[in-house]
PDB file of N, CA and C in Angstrom:
ATOM      1  N   UNK A   1     -21.850  23.119 -22.282  1.00  0.00           N
ATOM      2  CA  UNK A   1     -21.031  22.811 -21.137  1.00  0.00           C
ATOM      3  C   UNK A   1     -19.572  23.170 -21.462  1.00  0.00           C
ATOM      4  N   UNK A   2     -18.942  23.914 -20.584  1.00  0.00           N
ATOM      5  CA  UNK A   2     -17.567  24.318 -20.826  1.00  0.00           C
ATOM      6  C   UNK A   2     -16.607  23.191 -20.472  1.00  0.00           C
ATOM      7  N   UNK A   3     -15.420  23.275 -21.017  1.00  0.00           N
ATOM      8  CA  UNK A   3     -14.420  22.238 -20.795  1.00  0.00           C
ATOM      9  C   UNK A   3     -13.553  22.592 -19.589  1.00  0.00           C
ATOM     10  N   UNK A   4     -14.193  22.572 -18.399  1.00  0.00           N
ATOM     11  CA  UNK A   4     -13.501  22.880 -17.155  1.00  0.00           C
ATOM     12  C   UNK A   4     -13.851  21.808 -16.131  1.00  0.00           C
ATOM     13  N   UNK A   5     -12.845  21.315 -15.416  1.00  0.00           N
ATOM     14  CA  UNK A   5     -13.069  20.329 -14.365  1.00  0.00           C
ATOM     15  C   UNK A   5     -13.757  21.013 -13.187  1.00  0.00           C
ATOM     16  N   UNK A   6     -14.808  20.404 -12.662  1.00  0.00           N
ATOM     17  CA  UNK A   6     -15.565  20.994 -11.565  1.00  0.00           C
ATOM     18  C   UNK A   6     -14.896  20.778 -10.214  1.00  0.00           C
ATOM     19  N   UNK A   7     -13.902  19.926 -10.126  1.00  0.00           N
ATOM     20  CA  UNK A   7     -13.212  19.669  -8.865  1.00  0.00           C
ATOM     21  C   UNK A   7     -11.875  20.407  -8.801  1.00  0.00           C
ATOM     22  N   UNK A   8     -11.069  20.326  -9.858  1.00  0.00           N
ATOM     23  CA  UNK A   8      -9.736  20.926  -9.823  1.00  0.00           C
ATOM     24  C   UNK A   8      -9.664  22.278 -10.521  1.00  0.00           C
ATOM     25  N   UNK A   9     -10.654  22.598 -11.358  1.00  0.00           N
ATOM     26  CA  UNK A   9     -10.633  23.873 -12.077  1.00  0.00           C
ATOM     27  C   UNK A   9      -9.739  23.874 -13.293  1.00  0.00           C
ATOM     28  N   UNK A  10      -9.238  22.715 -13.700  1.00  0.00           N
ATOM     29  CA  UNK A  10      -8.362  22.647 -14.867  1.00  0.00           C
ATOM     30  C   UNK A  10      -9.144  22.987 -16.130  1.00  0.00           C
ATOM     31  N   UNK A  11      -8.492  23.710 -17.050  1.00  0.00           N
ATOM     32  CA  UNK A  11      -9.104  24.019 -18.332  1.00  0.00           C
ATOM     33  C   UNK A  11      -8.040  24.001 -19.412  1.00  0.00           C
ATOM     34  N   UNK A  12      -8.464  24.135 -20.662  1.00  0.00           N
ATOM     35  CA  UNK A  12      -7.556  24.015 -21.790  1.00  0.00           C
ATOM     36  C   UNK A  12      -6.488  25.102 -21.758  1.00  0.00           C
ATOM     37  N   UNK A  13      -5.286  24.720 -22.176  1.00  0.00           N
ATOM     38  CA  UNK A  13      -4.169  25.661 -22.284  1.00  0.00           C
ATOM     39  C   UNK A  13      -3.860  25.881 -23.759  1.00  0.00           C
ATOM     40  N   UNK A  14      -3.225  27.002 -24.069  1.00  0.00           N
ATOM     41  CA  UNK A  14      -2.853  27.314 -25.440  1.00  0.00           C
ATOM     42  C   UNK A  14      -1.344  27.242 -25.560  1.00  0.00           C
ATOM     43  N   UNK A  15      -0.888  26.635 -26.652  1.00  0.00           N
ATOM     44  CA  UNK A  15       0.548  26.516 -26.889  1.00  0.00           C
ATOM     45  C   UNK A  15       0.837  26.504 -28.371  1.00  0.00           C
ATOM     46  N   UNK A  16       1.976  25.976 -28.730  1.00  0.00           N
ATOM     47  CA  UNK A  16       2.407  25.944 -30.126  1.00  0.00           C
ATOM     48  C   UNK A  16       2.672  24.525 -30.586  1.00  0.00           C
ATOM     49  N   UNK A  17       2.294  24.229 -31.828  1.00  0.00           N
ATOM     50  CA  UNK A  17       2.817  23.074 -32.536  1.00  0.00           C
ATOM     51  C   UNK A  17       4.141  23.513 -33.116  1.00  0.00           C
ATOM     52  N   UNK A  18       5.181  22.757 -32.920  1.00  0.00           N
ATOM     53  CA  UNK A  18       6.488  23.119 -33.459  1.00  0.00           C
ATOM     54  C   UNK A  18       6.889  22.040 -34.446  1.00  0.00           C
ATOM     55  N   UNK A  19       7.023  22.428 -35.707  1.00  0.00           N
ATOM     56  CA  UNK A  19       7.382  21.474 -36.746  1.00  0.00           C
ATOM     57  C   UNK A  19       8.891  21.253 -36.744  1.00  0.00           C
ATOM     58  N   UNK A  20       9.338  20.349 -37.597  1.00  0.00           N
ATOM     59  CA  UNK A  20      10.766  20.042 -37.697  1.00  0.00           C
ATOM     60  C   UNK A  20      11.561  21.275 -38.125  1.00  0.00           C
ATOM     61  N   UNK A  21      10.932  22.140 -38.928  1.00  0.00           N
ATOM     62  CA  UNK A  21      11.602  23.364 -39.380  1.00  0.00           C
ATOM     63  C   UNK A  21      11.445  24.511 -38.383  1.00  0.00           C
ATOM     64  N   UNK A  22      10.916  24.202 -37.198  1.00  0.00           N
ATOM     65  CA  UNK A  22      10.701  25.161 -36.100  1.00  0.00           C
ATOM     66  C   UNK A  22       9.610  26.191 -36.393  1.00  0.00           C
ATOM     67  N   UNK A  23       8.754  25.925 -37.365  1.00  0.00           N
ATOM     68  CA  UNK A  23       7.621  26.799 -37.640  1.00  0.00           C
ATOM     69  C   UNK A  23       6.584  26.561 -36.553  1.00  0.00           C
ATOM     70  N   UNK A  24       6.058  27.640 -35.972  1.00  0.00           N
ATOM     71  CA  UNK A  24       5.131  27.522 -34.851  1.00  0.00           C
ATOM     72  C   UNK A  24       3.712  27.920 -35.270  1.00  0.00           C
ATOM     73  N   UNK A  25       2.754  27.060 -34.937  1.00  0.00           N
ATOM     74  CA  UNK A  25       1.344  27.351 -35.153  1.00  0.00           C
ATOM     75  C   UNK A  25       0.613  27.089 -33.840  1.00  0.00           C
ATOM     76  N   UNK A  26      -0.451  27.842 -33.603  1.00  0.00           N
ATOM     77  CA  UNK A  26      -1.191  27.730 -32.347  1.00  0.00           C
ATOM     78  C   UNK A  26      -1.939  26.400 -32.260  1.00  0.00           C
ATOM     79  N   UNK A  27      -2.052  25.882 -31.040  1.00  0.00           N
ATOM     80  CA  UNK A  27      -2.831  24.679 -30.767  1.00  0.00           C
ATOM     81  C   UNK A  27      -3.364  24.751 -29.354  1.00  0.00           C
ATOM     82  N   UNK A  28      -4.274  23.835 -29.023  1.00  0.00           N
ATOM     83  CA  UNK A  28      -4.859  23.756 -27.686  1.00  0.00           C
ATOM     84  C   UNK A  28      -4.452  22.448 -27.030  1.00  0.00           C
ATOM     85  N   UNK A  29      -4.167  22.524 -25.747  1.00  0.00           N
ATOM     86  CA  UNK A  29      -3.940  21.345 -24.929  1.00  0.00           C
ATOM     87  C   UNK A  29      -5.196  21.160 -24.093  1.00  0.00           C
ATOM     88  N   UNK A  30      -6.074  20.244 -24.509  1.00  0.00           N
ATOM     89  CA  UNK A  30      -7.339  20.026 -23.813  1.00  0.00           C
ATOM     90  C   UNK A  30      -7.143  19.150 -22.573  1.00  0.00           C
ATOM     91  N   UNK A  31      -8.080  19.248 -21.651  1.00  0.00           N
ATOM     92  CA  UNK A  31      -8.053  18.490 -20.409  1.00  0.00           C
ATOM     93  C   UNK A  31      -8.749  17.150 -20.648  1.00  0.00           C
ATOM     94  N   UNK A  32      -8.304  16.134 -19.928  1.00  0.00           N
ATOM     95  CA  UNK A  32      -8.899  14.806 -20.015  1.00  0.00           C
ATOM     96  C   UNK A  32     -10.191  14.791 -19.193  1.00  0.00           C
ATOM     97  N   UNK A  33     -11.297  15.266 -19.787  1.00  0.00           N
ATOM     98  CA  UNK A  33     -12.571  15.411 -19.081  1.00  0.00           C
ATOM     99  C   UNK A  33     -13.539  14.298 -19.428  1.00  0.00           C
ATOM    100  N   UNK A  34     -14.367  13.941 -18.464  1.00  0.00           N
ATOM    101  CA  UNK A  34     -15.473  13.023 -18.685  1.00  0.00           C
ATOM    102  C   UNK A  34     -16.546  13.282 -17.654  1.00  0.00           C
ATOM    103  N   UNK A  35     -17.748  12.820 -17.940  1.00  0.00           N
ATOM    104  CA  UNK A  35     -18.882  12.983 -17.037  1.00  0.00           C
ATOM    105  C   UNK A  35     -19.029  11.710 -16.221  1.00  0.00           C
ATOM    106  N   UNK A  36     -19.103  11.853 -14.908  1.00  0.00           N
ATOM    107  CA  UNK A  36     -19.202  10.698 -14.027  1.00  0.00           C
ATOM    108  C   UNK A  36     -20.298  10.924 -13.003  1.00  0.00           C
ATOM    109  N   UNK A  37     -21.021   9.853 -12.678  1.00  0.00           N
ATOM    110  CA  UNK A  37     -22.062   9.910 -11.654  1.00  0.00           C
ATOM    111  C   UNK A  37     -21.496   9.402 -10.329  1.00  0.00           C
ATOM    112  N   UNK A  38     -21.836  10.104  -9.265  1.00  0.00           N
ATOM    113  CA  UNK A  38     -21.413   9.732  -7.914  1.00  0.00           C
ATOM    114  C   UNK A  38     -22.630   9.688  -7.010  1.00  0.00           C
ATOM    115  N   UNK A  39     -22.576   8.814  -6.017  1.00  0.00           N
ATOM    116  CA  UNK A  39     -23.621   8.801  -4.995  1.00  0.00           C
ATOM    117  C   UNK A  39     -23.118   9.632  -3.825  1.00  0.00           C
ATOM    118  N   UNK A  40     -23.804  10.736  -3.535  1.00  0.00           N
ATOM    119  CA  UNK A  40     -23.434  11.649  -2.458  1.00  0.00           C
ATOM    120  C   UNK A  40     -24.141  11.173  -1.196  1.00  0.00           C
ATOM    121  N   UNK A  41     -23.406  10.486  -0.328  1.00  0.00           N
ATOM    122  CA  UNK A  41     -23.978   9.820   0.840  1.00  0.00           C
ATOM    123  C   UNK A  41     -24.586  10.827   1.809  1.00  0.00           C
ATOM    124  N   UNK A  42     -23.919  11.960   2.030  1.00  0.00           N
ATOM    125  CA  UNK A  42     -24.398  12.945   2.994  1.00  0.00           C
ATOM    126  C   UNK A  42     -25.760  13.522   2.611  1.00  0.00           C
ATOM    127  N   UNK A  43     -26.016  13.679   1.312  1.00  0.00           N
ATOM    128  CA  UNK A  43     -27.296  14.208   0.842  1.00  0.00           C
ATOM    129  C   UNK A  43     -28.267  13.099   0.434  1.00  0.00           C
ATOM    130  N   UNK A  44     -27.750  11.908   0.200  1.00  0.00           N
ATOM    131  CA  UNK A  44     -28.593  10.786  -0.198  1.00  0.00           C
ATOM    132  C   UNK A  44     -29.088  10.870  -1.630  1.00  0.00           C
ATOM    133  N   UNK A  45     -28.308  11.488  -2.527  1.00  0.00           N
ATOM    134  CA  UNK A  45     -28.715  11.649  -3.926  1.00  0.00           C
ATOM    135  C   UNK A  45     -27.560  11.272  -4.852  1.00  0.00           C
ATOM    136  N   UNK A  46     -27.909  10.964  -6.104  1.00  0.00           N
ATOM    137  CA  UNK A  46     -26.922  10.773  -7.158  1.00  0.00           C
ATOM    138  C   UNK A  46     -26.661  12.117  -7.820  1.00  0.00           C
ATOM    139  N   UNK A  47     -25.384  12.426  -8.094  1.00  0.00           N
ATOM    140  CA  UNK A  47     -25.033  13.663  -8.790  1.00  0.00           C
ATOM    141  C   UNK A  47     -24.142  13.321  -9.974  1.00  0.00           C
ATOM    142  N   UNK A  48     -24.132  14.202 -10.945  1.00  0.00           N
ATOM    143  CA  UNK A  48     -23.301  14.045 -12.132  1.00  0.00           C
ATOM    144  C   UNK A  48     -22.317  15.200 -12.192  1.00  0.00           C
ATOM    145  N   UNK A  49     -21.030  14.894 -12.290  1.00  0.00           N
ATOM    146  CA  UNK A  49     -19.988  15.911 -12.340  1.00  0.00           C
ATOM    147  C   UNK A  49     -19.150  15.748 -13.598  1.00  0.00           C
ATOM    148  N   UNK A  50     -18.678  16.861 -14.143  1.00  0.00           N
ATOM    149  CA  UNK A  50     -17.705  16.843 -15.230  1.00  0.00           C
ATOM    150  C   UNK A  50     -16.338  17.009 -14.593  1.00  0.00           C
ATOM    151  N   UNK A  51     -15.554  15.929 -14.597  1.00  0.00           N
ATOM    152  CA  UNK A  51     -14.286  15.958 -13.893  1.00  0.00           C
ATOM    153  C   UNK A  51     -13.156  15.465 -14.785  1.00  0.00           C
ATOM    154  N   UNK A  52     -11.940  15.828 -14.413  1.00  0.00           N
ATOM    155  CA  UNK A  52     -10.748  15.348 -15.102  1.00  0.00           C
ATOM    156  C   UNK A  52     -10.235  14.107 -14.382  1.00  0.00           C
ATOM    157  N   UNK A  53      -9.234  13.475 -14.962  1.00  0.00           N
ATOM    158  CA  UNK A  53      -8.637  12.307 -14.325  1.00  0.00           C
ATOM    159  C   UNK A  53      -8.000  12.703 -13.002  1.00  0.00           C
ATOM    160  N   UNK A  54      -7.402  13.889 -12.942  1.00  0.00           N
ATOM    161  CA  UNK A  54      -6.813  14.371 -11.694  1.00  0.00           C
ATOM    162  C   UNK A  54      -7.894  14.641 -10.653  1.00  0.00           C
ATOM    163  N   UNK A  55      -9.052  15.113 -11.081  1.00  0.00           N
ATOM    164  CA  UNK A  55     -10.165  15.334 -10.173  1.00  0.00           C
ATOM    165  C   UNK A  55     -10.691  14.031  -9.595  1.00  0.00           C
ATOM    166  N   UNK A  56     -10.700  12.980 -10.402  1.00  0.00           N
ATOM    167  CA  UNK A  56     -11.141  11.676  -9.917  1.00  0.00           C
ATOM    168  C   UNK A  56     -10.184  11.143  -8.857  1.00  0.00           C
ATOM    169  N   UNK A  57      -8.897  11.342  -9.059  1.00  0.00           N
ATOM    170  CA  UNK A  57      -7.915  10.928  -8.052  1.00  0.00           C
ATOM    171  C   UNK A  57      -8.083  11.733  -6.764  1.00  0.00           C
ATOM    172  N   UNK A  58      -8.421  13.002  -6.892  1.00  0.00           N
ATOM    173  CA  UNK A  58      -8.666  13.838  -5.715  1.00  0.00           C
ATOM    174  C   UNK A  58      -9.865  13.331  -4.924  1.00  0.00           C
ATOM    175  N   UNK A  59     -10.932  12.948  -5.634  1.00  0.00           N
ATOM    176  CA  UNK A  59     -12.118  12.404  -4.964  1.00  0.00           C
ATOM    177  C   UNK A  59     -11.785  11.083  -4.286  1.00  0.00           C
ATOM    178  N   UNK A  60     -10.985  10.244  -4.936  1.00  0.00           N
ATOM    179  CA  UNK A  60     -10.596   8.973  -4.323  1.00  0.00           C
ATOM    180  C   UNK A  60      -9.755   9.192  -3.076  1.00  0.00           C
ATOM    181  N   UNK A  61      -8.953  10.248  -3.062  1.00  0.00           N
ATOM    182  CA  UNK A  61      -8.062  10.506  -1.930  1.00  0.00           C
ATOM    183  C   UNK A  61      -8.792  11.167  -0.762  1.00  0.00           C
ATOM    184  N   UNK A  62      -9.576  12.216  -1.043  1.00  0.00           N
ATOM    185  CA  UNK A  62     -10.212  12.994   0.018  1.00  0.00           C
ATOM    186  C   UNK A  62     -11.629  12.544   0.356  1.00  0.00           C
ATOM    187  N   UNK A  63     -12.313  11.955  -0.606  1.00  0.00           N
ATOM    188  CA  UNK A  63     -13.729  11.652  -0.460  1.00  0.00           C
ATOM    189  C   UNK A  63     -14.541  12.688  -1.221  1.00  0.00           C
ATOM    190  N   UNK A  64     -15.747  12.321  -1.619  1.00  0.00           N
ATOM    191  CA  UNK A  64     -16.574  13.198  -2.454  1.00  0.00           C
ATOM    192  C   UNK A  64     -16.954  14.480  -1.723  1.00  0.00           C
ATOM    193  N   UNK A  65     -17.410  14.381  -0.489  1.00  0.00           N
ATOM    194  CA  UNK A  65     -17.883  15.556   0.228  1.00  0.00           C
ATOM    195  C   UNK A  65     -16.745  16.557   0.465  1.00  0.00           C
ATOM    196  N   UNK A  66     -15.578  16.083   0.890  1.00  0.00           N
ATOM    197  CA  UNK A  66     -14.442  16.970   1.152  1.00  0.00           C
ATOM    198  C   UNK A  66     -13.936  17.605  -0.132  1.00  0.00           C
ATOM    199  N   UNK A  67     -13.905  16.842  -1.225  1.00  0.00           N
ATOM    200  CA  UNK A  67     -13.437  17.378  -2.506  1.00  0.00           C
ATOM    201  C   UNK A  67     -14.396  18.448  -3.028  1.00  0.00           C
ATOM    202  N   UNK A  68     -15.707  18.232  -2.849  1.00  0.00           N
ATOM    203  CA  UNK A  68     -16.676  19.224  -3.300  1.00  0.00           C
ATOM    204  C   UNK A  68     -16.617  20.488  -2.445  1.00  0.00           C
ATOM    205  N   UNK A  69     -16.407  20.351  -1.140  1.00  0.00           N
ATOM    206  CA  UNK A  69     -16.258  21.524  -0.281  1.00  0.00           C
ATOM    207  C   UNK A  69     -15.023  22.331  -0.663  1.00  0.00           C
ATOM    208  N   UNK A  70     -13.933  21.631  -0.942  1.00  0.00           N
ATOM    209  CA  UNK A  70     -12.690  22.289  -1.345  1.00  0.00           C
ATOM    210  C   UNK A  70     -12.865  23.012  -2.675  1.00  0.00           C
ATOM    211  N   UNK A  71     -13.562  22.395  -3.618  1.00  0.00           N
ATOM    212  CA  UNK A  71     -13.803  23.020  -4.924  1.00  0.00           C
ATOM    213  C   UNK A  71     -14.724  24.229  -4.786  1.00  0.00           C
ATOM    214  N   UNK A  72     -15.699  24.165  -3.880  1.00  0.00           N
ATOM    215  CA  UNK A  72     -16.606  25.290  -3.675  1.00  0.00           C
ATOM    216  C   UNK A  72     -15.871  26.469  -3.041  1.00  0.00           C
ATOM    217  N   UNK A  73     -14.946  26.200  -2.122  1.00  0.00           N
ATOM    218  CA  UNK A  73     -14.157  27.272  -1.511  1.00  0.00           C
ATOM    219  C   UNK A  73     -13.316  28.004  -2.542  1.00  0.00           C
ATOM    220  N   UNK A  74     -12.755  27.247  -3.484  1.00  0.00           N
ATOM    221  CA  UNK A  74     -11.902  27.843  -4.512  1.00  0.00           C
ATOM    222  C   UNK A  74     -12.704  28.456  -5.656  1.00  0.00           C
ATOM    223  N   UNK A  75     -14.022  28.229  -5.680  1.00  0.00           N
ATOM    224  CA  UNK A  75     -14.881  28.826  -6.693  1.00  0.00           C
ATOM    225  C   UNK A  75     -15.042  28.008  -7.959  1.00  0.00           C
ATOM    226  N   UNK A  76     -14.604  26.745  -7.951  1.00  0.00           N
ATOM    227  CA  UNK A  76     -14.722  25.893  -9.138  1.00  0.00           C
ATOM    228  C   UNK A  76     -16.100  25.264  -9.256  1.00  0.00           C
ATOM    229  N   UNK A  77     -16.806  25.129  -8.156  1.00  0.00           N
ATOM    230  CA  UNK A  77     -18.075  24.412  -8.129  1.00  0.00           C
ATOM    231  C   UNK A  77     -19.114  25.264  -7.423  1.00  0.00           C
ATOM    232  N   UNK A  78     -20.257  25.465  -8.080  1.00  0.00           N
ATOM    233  CA  UNK A  78     -21.369  26.168  -7.449  1.00  0.00           C
ATOM    234  C   UNK A  78     -22.568  25.236  -7.392  1.00  0.00           C
ATOM    235  N   UNK A  79     -23.594  25.639  -6.674  1.00  0.00           N
ATOM    236  CA  UNK A  79     -24.786  24.818  -6.538  1.00  0.00           C
ATOM    237  C   UNK A  79     -25.496  24.606  -7.861  1.00  0.00           C
ATOM    238  N   UNK A  80     -25.378  25.561  -8.785  1.00  0.00           N
ATOM    239  CA  UNK A  80     -26.028  25.442 -10.096  1.00  0.00           C
ATOM    240  C   UNK A  80     -25.314  24.468 -11.009  1.00  0.00           C
ATOM    241  N   UNK A  81     -24.036  24.191 -10.738  1.00  0.00           N
ATOM    242  CA  UNK A  81     -23.251  23.296 -11.593  1.00  0.00           C
ATOM    243  C   UNK A  81     -23.571  21.825 -11.377  1.00  0.00           C
ATOM    244  N   UNK A  82     -24.091  21.493 -10.199  1.00  0.00           N
ATOM    245  CA  UNK A  82     -24.330  20.084  -9.856  1.00  0.00           C
ATOM    246  C   UNK A  82     -25.657  19.649 -10.470  1.00  0.00           C
ATOM    247  N   UNK A  83     -25.621  18.499 -11.162  1.00  0.00           N
ATOM    248  CA  UNK A  83     -26.834  17.932 -11.731  1.00  0.00           C
ATOM    249  C   UNK A  83     -27.278  16.785 -10.834  1.00  0.00           C
ATOM    250  N   UNK A  84     -28.459  16.918 -10.242  1.00  0.00           N
ATOM    251  CA  UNK A  84     -29.011  15.857  -9.407  1.00  0.00           C
ATOM    252  C   UNK A  84     -29.793  14.911 -10.289  1.00  0.00           C
ATOM    253  N   UNK A  85     -29.557  13.638 -10.113  1.00  0.00           N
ATOM    254  CA  UNK A  85     -30.201  12.623 -10.944  1.00  0.00           C
ATOM    255  C   UNK A  85     -31.258  11.896 -10.130  1.00  0.00           C
ATOM    256  N   UNK A  86     -32.440  11.837 -10.663  1.00  0.00           N
ATOM    257  CA  UNK A  86     -33.527  11.108 -10.008  1.00  0.00           C
ATOM    258  C   UNK A  86     -33.568   9.694 -10.577  1.00  0.00           C
ATOM    259  N   UNK A  87     -33.174   8.748  -9.760  1.00  0.00           N
ATOM    260  CA  UNK A  87     -33.175   7.352 -10.208  1.00  0.00           C
ATOM    261  C   UNK A  87     -34.136   6.532  -9.395  1.00  0.00           C
TER     262      UNK A  87
END
């Protein structure tokens, strides 16, 4: 599983560690990702998404269905990415 948010499309950035002597070495700025289960009311199923904290706030603001439609339009989420959970 790649380290990309399925709602916002955020992924790791590359930058520099800068020491006190100003020596620069490469480092990664990773995204705050976690796996969360949601109940998708329109489809009547549980789904599992890999989302960032910003993606969770987006879902809280817009709703799950609207956030997923927006992510699909931008190309961050495809039908193969969604894991349906049988409970």
